[in-house]
């Protein structure tokens, strides 16, 4: 099972990968980075993508509603409901994949792909696999 560095190296093997990071969305800090950053600074990119991830993870509109005993049998949000986010720009794709952990599950993988060479379907599949196998120590 890969650790952070191995996981990021595998993410960079994706076609068109320009940069990748593992980010804690509750603090906005990068736990690991590799390659380029869209703004030239990985910490700024981590903080900005964390804001997006936090909004998606916390807003009720994106939460899966399921009845359950925790909510008195009523329908309510279940965490984390969001699996991944995709943002497209004129020059690239940003794919954020939430990682389930044994602690608080507040981390995500972020890969930045060149639009001309990137493959969103492949990136989603690869990031899902990496997130499932990631070992955080």
N, C-alpha and C. Protein backbone atom coordinates (compact mmCIF):
# COMPACT_ATOMS: atom_id res chain seq x y z
N UNK A 1 0.84 -1.17 0.00
CA UNK A 1 0.00 0.00 0.00
C UNK A 1 0.90 1.24 0.00
N UNK A 2 0.66 2.14 -0.93
CA UNK A 2 1.55 3.29 -1.06
C UNK A 2 1.33 4.36 0.01
N UNK A 3 2.43 5.03 0.36
CA UNK A 3 2.36 6.19 1.22
C UNK A 3 2.15 7.43 0.35
N UNK A 4 2.29 8.59 0.94
CA UNK A 4 2.01 9.85 0.25
C UNK A 4 2.91 10.04 -0.97
N UNK A 5 4.21 9.88 -0.80
CA UNK A 5 5.14 10.12 -1.91
C UNK A 5 4.88 9.19 -3.09
N UNK A 6 4.68 7.90 -2.79
CA UNK A 6 4.42 6.93 -3.86
C UNK A 6 3.11 7.23 -4.56
N UNK A 7 2.12 7.61 -3.77
CA UNK A 7 0.80 7.94 -4.32
C UNK A 7 0.89 9.12 -5.29
N UNK A 8 1.62 10.16 -4.89
CA UNK A 8 1.76 11.34 -5.75
C UNK A 8 2.57 11.02 -7.01
N UNK A 9 3.58 10.18 -6.88
CA UNK A 9 4.35 9.76 -8.05
C UNK A 9 3.46 9.01 -9.05
N UNK A 10 2.59 8.15 -8.53
CA UNK A 10 1.66 7.43 -9.41
C UNK A 10 0.66 8.37 -10.07
N UNK A 11 0.22 9.39 -9.35
CA UNK A 11 -0.70 10.38 -9.93
C UNK A 11 -0.03 11.13 -11.07
N UNK A 12 1.27 11.40 -10.92
CA UNK A 12 2.00 12.13 -11.96
C UNK A 12 2.23 11.28 -13.21
N UNK A 13 2.00 9.98 -13.12
CA UNK A 13 2.13 9.10 -14.28
C UNK A 13 0.92 9.19 -15.20
N UNK A 14 -0.13 9.87 -14.75
CA UNK A 14 -1.32 10.05 -15.59
C UNK A 14 -0.97 10.91 -16.81
N UNK A 15 -1.55 10.61 -17.97
CA UNK A 15 -1.31 11.44 -19.15
C UNK A 15 -1.70 12.90 -18.89
N UNK A 16 -0.79 13.80 -19.19
CA UNK A 16 -1.07 15.23 -19.05
C UNK A 16 -0.92 15.78 -17.64
N UNK A 17 -0.49 14.96 -16.68
CA UNK A 17 -0.35 15.44 -15.30
C UNK A 17 0.71 16.52 -15.21
N UNK A 18 0.34 17.64 -14.60
CA UNK A 18 1.28 18.75 -14.41
C UNK A 18 1.68 18.91 -12.96
N UNK A 19 0.79 18.51 -12.04
CA UNK A 19 1.09 18.62 -10.63
C UNK A 19 0.08 17.82 -9.83
N UNK A 20 0.48 17.46 -8.62
CA UNK A 20 -0.41 16.70 -7.74
C UNK A 20 -0.10 17.06 -6.30
N UNK A 21 -1.11 16.87 -5.44
CA UNK A 21 -0.94 17.17 -4.02
C UNK A 21 -1.91 16.35 -3.20
N UNK A 22 -1.54 16.13 -1.96
CA UNK A 22 -2.44 15.59 -0.96
C UNK A 22 -2.66 16.73 0.02
N UNK A 23 -3.92 17.10 0.22
CA UNK A 23 -4.25 18.31 0.97
C UNK A 23 -5.21 17.98 2.11
N UNK A 24 -5.00 18.60 3.24
CA UNK A 24 -5.93 18.53 4.36
C UNK A 24 -6.92 19.68 4.18
N UNK A 25 -8.19 19.36 3.89
CA UNK A 25 -9.13 20.43 3.59
C UNK A 25 -9.61 21.17 4.81
N UNK A 26 -9.41 20.65 6.00
CA UNK A 26 -9.83 21.40 7.18
C UNK A 26 -8.84 22.51 7.52
N UNK A 27 -7.55 22.29 7.22
CA UNK A 27 -6.54 23.32 7.51
C UNK A 27 -6.05 24.06 6.26
N UNK A 28 -6.23 23.43 5.09
CA UNK A 28 -5.73 24.03 3.86
C UNK A 28 -4.25 23.79 3.61
N UNK A 29 -3.65 22.88 4.37
CA UNK A 29 -2.23 22.60 4.23
C UNK A 29 -1.96 21.42 3.32
N UNK A 30 -0.91 21.54 2.53
CA UNK A 30 -0.49 20.44 1.66
C UNK A 30 0.32 19.46 2.50
N UNK A 31 -0.06 18.18 2.46
CA UNK A 31 0.67 17.14 3.17
C UNK A 31 1.79 16.58 2.30
N UNK A 32 1.67 16.81 0.99
CA UNK A 32 2.68 16.39 0.04
C UNK A 32 2.37 16.99 -1.31
N UNK A 33 3.40 17.33 -2.07
CA UNK A 33 3.21 17.92 -3.41
C UNK A 33 4.26 17.38 -4.36
N UNK A 34 3.94 17.47 -5.65
CA UNK A 34 4.88 17.06 -6.69
C UNK A 34 4.52 17.82 -7.97
N UNK A 35 5.51 18.09 -8.79
CA UNK A 35 5.26 18.76 -10.07
C UNK A 35 5.02 20.24 -9.93
N UNK A 36 4.25 20.77 -10.86
CA UNK A 36 3.98 22.21 -10.91
C UNK A 36 2.74 22.58 -10.09
N UNK A 37 2.60 23.88 -9.86
CA UNK A 37 1.40 24.44 -9.25
C UNK A 37 0.82 25.44 -10.24
N UNK A 38 -0.51 25.50 -10.37
CA UNK A 38 -1.11 26.44 -11.33
C UNK A 38 -0.76 27.91 -11.06
N UNK A 39 -0.47 28.23 -9.79
CA UNK A 39 -0.14 29.62 -9.45
C UNK A 39 1.33 29.77 -9.06
N UNK A 40 2.11 28.71 -9.22
CA UNK A 40 3.54 28.78 -8.92
C UNK A 40 3.89 28.50 -7.47
N UNK A 41 2.89 28.28 -6.62
CA UNK A 41 3.14 28.05 -5.20
C UNK A 41 2.18 26.97 -4.71
N UNK A 42 2.73 25.82 -4.30
CA UNK A 42 1.88 24.70 -3.88
C UNK A 42 1.03 25.02 -2.66
N UNK A 43 1.54 25.81 -1.73
CA UNK A 43 0.77 26.13 -0.52
C UNK A 43 -0.45 26.99 -0.86
N UNK A 44 -0.30 27.93 -1.79
CA UNK A 44 -1.44 28.74 -2.21
C UNK A 44 -2.48 27.87 -2.90
N UNK A 45 -2.03 26.99 -3.78
CA UNK A 45 -2.95 26.08 -4.47
C UNK A 45 -3.66 25.18 -3.47
N UNK A 46 -2.94 24.67 -2.48
CA UNK A 46 -3.55 23.81 -1.47
C UNK A 46 -4.64 24.56 -0.71
N UNK A 47 -4.36 25.78 -0.31
CA UNK A 47 -5.34 26.58 0.44
C UNK A 47 -6.58 26.87 -0.41
N UNK A 48 -6.36 27.19 -1.67
CA UNK A 48 -7.50 27.51 -2.56
C UNK A 48 -8.34 26.28 -2.88
N UNK A 49 -7.70 25.16 -3.16
CA UNK A 49 -8.47 23.95 -3.45
C UNK A 49 -9.15 23.43 -2.19
N UNK A 50 -8.57 23.66 -1.03
CA UNK A 50 -9.20 23.26 0.23
C UNK A 50 -10.51 24.01 0.45
N UNK A 51 -10.55 25.27 0.07
CA UNK A 51 -11.79 26.04 0.19
C UNK A 51 -12.89 25.42 -0.66
N UNK A 52 -12.55 25.03 -1.87
CA UNK A 52 -13.51 24.39 -2.77
C UNK A 52 -13.96 23.05 -2.19
N UNK A 53 -13.02 22.24 -1.73
CA UNK A 53 -13.35 20.93 -1.17
C UNK A 53 -14.21 21.06 0.07
N UNK A 54 -13.87 22.01 0.93
CA UNK A 54 -14.64 22.24 2.15
C UNK A 54 -16.08 22.62 1.83
N UNK A 55 -16.24 23.50 0.87
CA UNK A 55 -17.59 23.92 0.48
C UNK A 55 -18.41 22.73 -0.03
N UNK A 56 -17.81 21.93 -0.88
CA UNK A 56 -18.53 20.78 -1.43
C UNK A 56 -18.85 19.75 -0.35
N UNK A 57 -17.93 19.53 0.57
CA UNK A 57 -18.13 18.52 1.60
C UNK A 57 -19.12 18.95 2.67
N UNK A 58 -19.21 20.25 2.91
CA UNK A 58 -20.05 20.72 4.01
C UNK A 58 -21.42 21.23 3.60
N UNK A 59 -21.60 21.63 2.35
CA UNK A 59 -22.90 22.15 1.95
C UNK A 59 -23.91 21.04 1.83
N UNK A 60 -25.07 21.27 2.39
CA UNK A 60 -26.14 20.28 2.40
C UNK A 60 -26.59 19.88 1.00
N UNK A 61 -26.47 20.77 0.04
CA UNK A 61 -26.90 20.47 -1.33
C UNK A 61 -26.15 19.29 -1.93
N UNK A 62 -24.92 19.05 -1.47
CA UNK A 62 -24.12 17.97 -2.02
C UNK A 62 -24.12 16.74 -1.13
N UNK A 63 -24.76 16.82 0.02
CA UNK A 63 -24.77 15.69 0.95
C UNK A 63 -25.82 14.68 0.53
N UNK A 64 -25.48 13.43 0.66
CA UNK A 64 -26.41 12.34 0.38
C UNK A 64 -27.35 12.25 1.57
N UNK A 65 -28.64 12.20 1.31
CA UNK A 65 -29.61 12.11 2.40
C UNK A 65 -30.06 10.66 2.55
N UNK A 66 -29.91 10.13 3.76
CA UNK A 66 -30.33 8.76 4.05
C UNK A 66 -31.02 8.74 5.40
N UNK A 67 -32.10 7.99 5.52
CA UNK A 67 -32.71 7.84 6.84
C UNK A 67 -31.83 6.96 7.71
N UNK A 68 -31.84 7.21 8.98
CA UNK A 68 -31.04 6.37 9.87
C UNK A 68 -31.29 6.69 11.32
N UNK A 69 -30.87 5.80 12.20
CA UNK A 69 -31.09 5.99 13.63
C UNK A 69 -30.38 7.22 14.19
N UNK A 70 -29.27 7.60 13.59
CA UNK A 70 -28.53 8.77 14.08
C UNK A 70 -29.36 10.03 13.93
N UNK A 71 -30.30 10.01 13.01
CA UNK A 71 -31.14 11.18 12.76
C UNK A 71 -32.57 10.94 13.20
N UNK A 72 -32.77 10.00 14.13
CA UNK A 72 -34.11 9.71 14.62
C UNK A 72 -35.01 9.13 13.55
N UNK A 73 -34.42 8.44 12.57
CA UNK A 73 -35.22 7.87 11.49
C UNK A 73 -35.54 8.86 10.39
N UNK A 74 -35.16 10.12 10.60
CA UNK A 74 -35.43 11.13 9.59
C UNK A 74 -34.29 11.17 8.58
N UNK A 75 -34.58 11.75 7.42
CA UNK A 75 -33.56 11.90 6.40
C UNK A 75 -32.59 12.99 6.81
N UNK A 76 -31.29 12.71 6.64
CA UNK A 76 -30.29 13.70 6.99
C UNK A 76 -28.99 13.43 6.26
N UNK A 77 -28.03 14.37 6.33
CA UNK A 77 -26.77 14.21 5.61
C UNK A 77 -25.90 13.12 6.20
N UNK A 78 -25.13 12.47 5.34
CA UNK A 78 -24.18 11.45 5.74
C UNK A 78 -22.82 11.87 5.22
N UNK A 79 -21.80 11.88 6.07
CA UNK A 79 -20.46 12.30 5.65
C UNK A 79 -19.60 11.13 5.26
N UNK A 80 -18.64 11.27 4.38
CA UNK A 80 -18.60 12.29 3.33
C UNK A 80 -19.38 11.82 2.12
N UNK A 81 -20.23 12.64 1.61
CA UNK A 81 -21.07 12.27 0.47
C UNK A 81 -20.36 12.51 -0.86
N UNK A 82 -19.49 13.50 -0.91
CA UNK A 82 -18.82 13.85 -2.16
C UNK A 82 -17.63 12.91 -2.36
N UNK A 83 -17.54 12.31 -3.53
CA UNK A 83 -16.41 11.45 -3.85
C UNK A 83 -15.29 12.23 -4.51
N UNK A 84 -15.64 13.01 -5.55
CA UNK A 84 -14.63 13.82 -6.22
C UNK A 84 -15.25 15.05 -6.82
N UNK A 85 -14.39 16.00 -7.15
CA UNK A 85 -14.78 17.25 -7.81
C UNK A 85 -13.93 17.40 -9.05
N UNK A 86 -14.54 17.93 -10.10
CA UNK A 86 -13.79 18.21 -11.33
C UNK A 86 -14.04 19.66 -11.70
N UNK A 87 -12.96 20.39 -11.88
CA UNK A 87 -13.04 21.78 -12.33
C UNK A 87 -12.30 21.86 -13.65
N UNK A 88 -12.97 22.39 -14.67
CA UNK A 88 -12.32 22.55 -15.96
C UNK A 88 -12.01 24.02 -16.19
N UNK A 89 -10.83 24.27 -16.73
CA UNK A 89 -10.45 25.62 -17.12
C UNK A 89 -10.12 25.59 -18.61
N UNK A 90 -9.82 26.72 -19.17
CA UNK A 90 -9.48 26.74 -20.60
C UNK A 90 -8.23 25.96 -20.93
N UNK A 91 -7.34 25.82 -19.95
CA UNK A 91 -6.08 25.13 -20.24
C UNK A 91 -5.90 23.81 -19.48
N UNK A 92 -6.80 23.49 -18.56
CA UNK A 92 -6.58 22.27 -17.80
C UNK A 92 -7.78 21.75 -17.06
N UNK A 93 -7.55 20.64 -16.37
CA UNK A 93 -8.54 20.00 -15.52
C UNK A 93 -7.96 19.86 -14.12
N UNK A 94 -8.79 20.06 -13.13
CA UNK A 94 -8.41 19.83 -11.74
C UNK A 94 -9.35 18.76 -11.21
N UNK A 95 -8.78 17.67 -10.73
CA UNK A 95 -9.59 16.59 -10.17
C UNK A 95 -9.22 16.46 -8.70
N UNK A 96 -10.22 16.56 -7.83
CA UNK A 96 -10.03 16.42 -6.40
C UNK A 96 -10.77 15.16 -5.96
N UNK A 97 -10.07 14.24 -5.34
CA UNK A 97 -10.66 12.98 -4.87
C UNK A 97 -10.54 12.91 -3.36
N UNK A 98 -11.68 12.83 -2.68
CA UNK A 98 -11.69 12.72 -1.22
C UNK A 98 -11.17 11.35 -0.79
N UNK A 99 -10.40 11.35 0.29
CA UNK A 99 -9.78 10.13 0.80
C UNK A 99 -10.42 9.79 2.15
N UNK A 100 -10.98 8.59 2.24
CA UNK A 100 -11.52 8.15 3.52
C UNK A 100 -10.37 7.64 4.38
N UNK A 101 -10.32 8.12 5.62
CA UNK A 101 -9.26 7.73 6.54
C UNK A 101 -9.85 7.18 7.83
N UNK A 102 -9.01 6.58 8.65
CA UNK A 102 -9.47 6.04 9.92
C UNK A 102 -9.65 7.15 10.96
N UNK A 103 -9.11 8.34 10.68
CA UNK A 103 -9.28 9.43 11.63
C UNK A 103 -10.43 10.33 11.21
N UNK A 104 -10.22 11.46 10.57
CA UNK A 104 -11.34 12.37 10.30
C UNK A 104 -11.70 12.54 8.82
N UNK A 105 -11.05 11.83 7.94
CA UNK A 105 -11.34 11.89 6.50
C UNK A 105 -11.41 13.31 5.95
N UNK A 106 -10.46 14.13 6.34
CA UNK A 106 -10.45 15.51 5.87
C UNK A 106 -9.33 15.77 4.87
N UNK A 107 -8.96 14.76 4.09
CA UNK A 107 -7.92 14.94 3.09
C UNK A 107 -8.44 14.57 1.70
N UNK A 108 -7.79 15.15 0.70
CA UNK A 108 -8.13 14.83 -0.68
C UNK A 108 -6.88 14.85 -1.53
N UNK A 109 -6.95 14.08 -2.60
CA UNK A 109 -5.90 14.10 -3.63
C UNK A 109 -6.31 15.10 -4.69
N UNK A 110 -5.37 15.92 -5.13
CA UNK A 110 -5.62 16.89 -6.18
C UNK A 110 -4.61 16.66 -7.30
N UNK A 111 -5.11 16.46 -8.51
CA UNK A 111 -4.22 16.37 -9.66
C UNK A 111 -4.63 17.43 -10.67
N UNK A 112 -3.62 18.09 -11.22
CA UNK A 112 -3.82 19.12 -12.24
C UNK A 112 -3.34 18.54 -13.55
N UNK A 113 -4.25 18.51 -14.53
CA UNK A 113 -3.96 17.92 -15.84
C UNK A 113 -3.99 18.98 -16.93
N UNK A 114 -3.10 18.86 -17.89
CA UNK A 114 -3.13 19.69 -19.09
C UNK A 114 -4.37 19.29 -19.89
N UNK A 115 -5.11 20.26 -20.37
CA UNK A 115 -6.35 19.97 -21.07
C UNK A 115 -6.13 19.22 -22.38
N UNK A 116 -5.05 19.51 -23.07
CA UNK A 116 -4.79 18.87 -24.36
C UNK A 116 -4.43 17.39 -24.21
N UNK A 117 -3.76 17.03 -23.12
CA UNK A 117 -3.27 15.67 -22.95
C UNK A 117 -3.97 14.87 -21.86
N UNK A 118 -4.70 15.54 -20.99
CA UNK A 118 -5.33 14.87 -19.86
C UNK A 118 -6.55 14.05 -20.25
N UNK A 119 -6.82 13.04 -19.47
CA UNK A 119 -7.96 12.16 -19.68
C UNK A 119 -8.73 12.10 -18.37
N UNK A 120 -9.89 12.77 -18.32
CA UNK A 120 -10.65 12.85 -17.08
C UNK A 120 -11.12 11.49 -16.57
N UNK A 121 -11.61 10.65 -17.47
CA UNK A 121 -12.10 9.33 -17.05
C UNK A 121 -10.97 8.51 -16.42
N UNK A 122 -9.84 8.50 -17.06
CA UNK A 122 -8.69 7.76 -16.53
C UNK A 122 -8.24 8.36 -15.21
N UNK A 123 -8.22 9.69 -15.12
CA UNK A 123 -7.80 10.35 -13.89
C UNK A 123 -8.73 10.00 -12.73
N UNK A 124 -10.03 10.00 -12.96
CA UNK A 124 -10.99 9.64 -11.91
C UNK A 124 -10.76 8.21 -11.44
N UNK A 125 -10.58 7.29 -12.38
CA UNK A 125 -10.36 5.89 -12.01
C UNK A 125 -9.06 5.71 -11.22
N UNK A 126 -8.02 6.35 -11.69
CA UNK A 126 -6.71 6.22 -11.04
C UNK A 126 -6.73 6.85 -9.64
N UNK A 127 -7.33 8.02 -9.51
CA UNK A 127 -7.38 8.68 -8.20
C UNK A 127 -8.23 7.88 -7.22
N UNK A 128 -9.31 7.27 -7.69
CA UNK A 128 -10.12 6.42 -6.82
C UNK A 128 -9.27 5.27 -6.28
N UNK A 129 -8.54 4.63 -7.19
CA UNK A 129 -7.67 3.52 -6.79
C UNK A 129 -6.59 3.99 -5.82
N UNK A 130 -5.97 5.12 -6.09
CA UNK A 130 -4.93 5.64 -5.21
C UNK A 130 -5.49 6.00 -3.84
N UNK A 131 -6.66 6.62 -3.82
CA UNK A 131 -7.29 7.02 -2.55
C UNK A 131 -7.62 5.80 -1.71
N UNK A 132 -8.08 4.73 -2.34
CA UNK A 132 -8.43 3.51 -1.61
C UNK A 132 -7.21 2.81 -1.04
N UNK A 133 -6.08 2.93 -1.73
CA UNK A 133 -4.88 2.23 -1.29
C UNK A 133 -3.92 3.06 -0.47
N UNK A 134 -4.19 4.35 -0.34
CA UNK A 134 -3.27 5.26 0.34
C UNK A 134 -3.16 4.92 1.83
N UNK A 135 -1.94 4.85 2.31
CA UNK A 135 -1.69 4.63 3.72
C UNK A 135 -1.14 5.93 4.30
N UNK A 136 -1.87 6.51 5.24
CA UNK A 136 -1.42 7.73 5.90
C UNK A 136 -0.86 7.36 7.26
N UNK A 137 0.40 7.70 7.48
CA UNK A 137 1.07 7.35 8.74
C UNK A 137 1.26 8.58 9.58
